[in-house]
């Protein structure tokens, strides 16, 4: 389910408003990544499936902290 974001981004905004909005969103994303870096790394490490075609029998160890 994807939220409807169309109302959040009107078509008729000034160039300056578009630039400020974009800068704000990039800053917000950066702060989010900085603040939750450990959780994000842990999540992506847990959900990233390693696969070596030369050694398919070798897989990443699993554990409660991964």
N, C-alpha and C. Protein backbone atom coordinates (compact mmCIF):
# COMPACT_ATOMS: atom_id res chain seq x y z
N UNK A 1 0.85 -1.18 0.00
CA UNK A 1 0.00 0.00 0.00
C UNK A 1 0.89 1.24 0.00
N UNK A 2 0.74 2.06 -0.99
CA UNK A 2 1.52 3.28 -1.11
C UNK A 2 0.63 4.48 -0.78
N UNK A 3 1.07 5.35 0.12
CA UNK A 3 0.24 6.50 0.45
C UNK A 3 0.16 7.47 -0.74
N UNK A 4 -0.95 8.17 -0.81
CA UNK A 4 -1.15 9.16 -1.87
C UNK A 4 -0.43 10.44 -1.47
N UNK A 5 0.68 10.73 -2.13
CA UNK A 5 1.47 11.92 -1.78
C UNK A 5 1.18 13.09 -2.71
N UNK A 6 0.33 12.88 -3.67
CA UNK A 6 0.01 13.94 -4.64
C UNK A 6 -0.42 15.24 -3.97
N UNK A 7 -1.27 15.21 -2.94
CA UNK A 7 -1.68 16.47 -2.29
C UNK A 7 -0.51 17.21 -1.63
N UNK A 8 0.56 16.50 -1.31
CA UNK A 8 1.70 17.14 -0.65
C UNK A 8 2.58 17.92 -1.62
N UNK A 9 2.47 17.63 -2.91
CA UNK A 9 3.32 18.25 -3.91
C UNK A 9 2.48 18.90 -5.00
N UNK A 10 2.01 20.11 -4.76
CA UNK A 10 1.20 20.80 -5.76
C UNK A 10 2.02 21.13 -7.00
N UNK A 11 1.35 21.24 -8.13
CA UNK A 11 2.04 21.52 -9.40
C UNK A 11 2.51 22.97 -9.50
N UNK A 12 1.75 23.88 -9.01
CA UNK A 12 2.04 25.30 -9.19
C UNK A 12 2.77 25.89 -8.00
N UNK A 13 4.09 25.72 -7.96
CA UNK A 13 4.90 26.37 -6.93
C UNK A 13 6.03 27.11 -7.64
N UNK A 14 6.57 28.09 -6.96
CA UNK A 14 7.64 28.89 -7.57
C UNK A 14 8.95 28.10 -7.61
N UNK A 15 9.88 28.56 -8.40
CA UNK A 15 11.19 27.94 -8.49
C UNK A 15 11.89 27.96 -7.13
N UNK A 16 11.77 29.09 -6.44
CA UNK A 16 12.39 29.24 -5.13
C UNK A 16 11.79 28.24 -4.14
N UNK A 17 10.48 28.11 -4.14
CA UNK A 17 9.81 27.18 -3.24
C UNK A 17 10.24 25.75 -3.53
N UNK A 18 10.35 25.40 -4.80
CA UNK A 18 10.79 24.06 -5.18
C UNK A 18 12.20 23.80 -4.67
N UNK A 19 13.08 24.79 -4.79
CA UNK A 19 14.46 24.64 -4.34
C UNK A 19 14.53 24.47 -2.82
N UNK A 20 13.78 25.30 -2.10
CA UNK A 20 13.77 25.23 -0.64
C UNK A 20 13.20 23.90 -0.17
N UNK A 21 12.13 23.45 -0.79
CA UNK A 21 11.51 22.17 -0.44
C UNK A 21 12.50 21.03 -0.66
N UNK A 22 13.18 21.04 -1.80
CA UNK A 22 14.14 20.00 -2.11
C UNK A 22 15.29 19.99 -1.09
N UNK A 23 15.83 21.16 -0.77
CA UNK A 23 16.90 21.26 0.22
C UNK A 23 16.45 20.74 1.58
N UNK A 24 15.24 21.08 1.96
CA UNK A 24 14.70 20.60 3.24
C UNK A 24 14.60 19.09 3.26
N UNK A 25 14.08 18.50 2.19
CA UNK A 25 13.90 17.05 2.15
C UNK A 25 15.24 16.32 2.18
N UNK A 26 16.25 16.84 1.47
CA UNK A 26 17.58 16.23 1.53
C UNK A 26 18.16 16.35 2.93
N UNK A 27 17.99 17.49 3.58
CA UNK A 27 18.49 17.68 4.94
C UNK A 27 17.77 16.73 5.90
N UNK A 28 16.47 16.59 5.74
CA UNK A 28 15.68 15.69 6.59
C UNK A 28 16.14 14.25 6.42
N UNK A 29 16.36 13.83 5.18
CA UNK A 29 16.83 12.46 4.93
C UNK A 29 18.21 12.25 5.54
N UNK A 30 19.09 13.24 5.42
CA UNK A 30 20.43 13.13 6.00
C UNK A 30 20.38 13.01 7.51
N UNK A 31 19.55 13.82 8.15
CA UNK A 31 19.41 13.75 9.61
C UNK A 31 18.83 12.41 10.05
N UNK A 32 17.87 11.92 9.30
CA UNK A 32 17.27 10.61 9.60
C UNK A 32 18.32 9.51 9.52
N UNK A 33 19.12 9.52 8.45
CA UNK A 33 20.16 8.51 8.30
C UNK A 33 21.22 8.63 9.39
N UNK A 34 21.59 9.85 9.76
CA UNK A 34 22.59 10.04 10.80
C UNK A 34 22.05 9.58 12.16
N UNK A 35 20.83 9.93 12.47
CA UNK A 35 20.26 9.58 13.77
C UNK A 35 20.01 8.10 13.92
N UNK A 36 19.59 7.44 12.86
CA UNK A 36 19.22 6.03 12.93
C UNK A 36 20.20 5.14 12.18
N UNK A 37 21.46 5.57 12.09
CA UNK A 37 22.46 4.83 11.32
C UNK A 37 22.61 3.38 11.79
N UNK A 38 22.70 3.18 13.09
CA UNK A 38 22.88 1.81 13.62
C UNK A 38 21.69 0.93 13.27
N UNK A 39 20.49 1.44 13.46
CA UNK A 39 19.30 0.66 13.15
C UNK A 39 19.19 0.37 11.66
N UNK A 40 19.54 1.36 10.84
CA UNK A 40 19.46 1.16 9.39
C UNK A 40 20.48 0.13 8.93
N UNK A 41 21.71 0.21 9.45
CA UNK A 41 22.73 -0.79 9.08
C UNK A 41 22.30 -2.18 9.50
N UNK A 42 21.77 -2.29 10.72
CA UNK A 42 21.32 -3.59 11.21
C UNK A 42 20.19 -4.15 10.35
N UNK A 43 19.23 -3.29 10.00
CA UNK A 43 18.11 -3.72 9.17
C UNK A 43 18.58 -4.19 7.80
N UNK A 44 19.42 -3.37 7.14
CA UNK A 44 19.86 -3.73 5.80
C UNK A 44 20.77 -4.95 5.81
N UNK A 45 21.58 -5.11 6.86
CA UNK A 45 22.43 -6.29 6.96
C UNK A 45 21.57 -7.55 7.12
N UNK A 46 20.50 -7.42 7.88
CA UNK A 46 19.62 -8.57 8.11
C UNK A 46 18.85 -8.94 6.84
N UNK A 47 18.50 -7.97 6.04
CA UNK A 47 17.66 -8.22 4.87
C UNK A 47 18.43 -8.35 3.57
N UNK A 48 19.76 -8.23 3.66
CA UNK A 48 20.57 -8.38 2.46
C UNK A 48 21.01 -9.83 2.36
N UNK A 49 20.67 -10.47 1.26
CA UNK A 49 21.00 -11.88 1.08
C UNK A 49 22.28 -11.99 0.26
N UNK A 50 23.30 -12.51 0.92
CA UNK A 50 24.58 -12.70 0.25
C UNK A 50 24.54 -14.00 -0.52
N UNK A 51 25.06 -13.98 -1.71
CA UNK A 51 25.10 -15.19 -2.51
C UNK A 51 26.35 -15.14 -3.37
N UNK A 52 27.19 -16.15 -3.24
CA UNK A 52 28.40 -16.27 -4.04
C UNK A 52 28.17 -17.40 -5.03
N UNK A 53 28.06 -17.09 -6.32
CA UNK A 53 27.78 -18.14 -7.30
C UNK A 53 28.89 -19.20 -7.37
N UNK A 54 30.12 -18.83 -6.95
CA UNK A 54 31.20 -19.80 -6.95
C UNK A 54 31.16 -20.74 -5.74
N UNK A 55 30.49 -20.28 -4.69
CA UNK A 55 30.36 -21.07 -3.46
C UNK A 55 28.93 -20.97 -2.94
N UNK A 56 27.95 -21.52 -3.62
CA UNK A 56 26.55 -21.34 -3.21
C UNK A 56 26.20 -21.98 -1.88
N UNK A 57 27.02 -22.89 -1.39
CA UNK A 57 26.73 -23.54 -0.13
C UNK A 57 27.12 -22.67 1.07
N UNK A 58 27.88 -21.60 0.81
CA UNK A 58 28.29 -20.70 1.88
C UNK A 58 27.26 -19.59 2.00
N UNK A 59 26.71 -19.43 3.17
CA UNK A 59 25.74 -18.36 3.40
C UNK A 59 26.17 -17.58 4.64
N UNK A 60 25.61 -16.45 4.79
CA UNK A 60 25.91 -15.58 5.92
C UNK A 60 25.34 -16.21 7.19
N UNK A 61 26.11 -16.23 8.27
CA UNK A 61 25.57 -16.77 9.52
C UNK A 61 24.39 -15.95 9.99
N UNK A 62 23.44 -16.62 10.57
CA UNK A 62 22.27 -15.92 11.10
C UNK A 62 22.30 -15.98 12.61
N UNK A 63 21.78 -14.95 13.21
CA UNK A 63 21.74 -14.90 14.67
C UNK A 63 20.72 -13.88 15.11
N UNK A 64 20.42 -13.84 16.39
CA UNK A 64 19.39 -12.92 16.89
C UNK A 64 19.77 -11.45 16.73
N UNK A 65 21.07 -11.13 16.68
CA UNK A 65 21.49 -9.73 16.57
C UNK A 65 21.67 -9.27 15.14
N UNK A 66 21.53 -10.16 14.16
CA UNK A 66 21.76 -9.77 12.77
C UNK A 66 20.50 -9.29 12.12
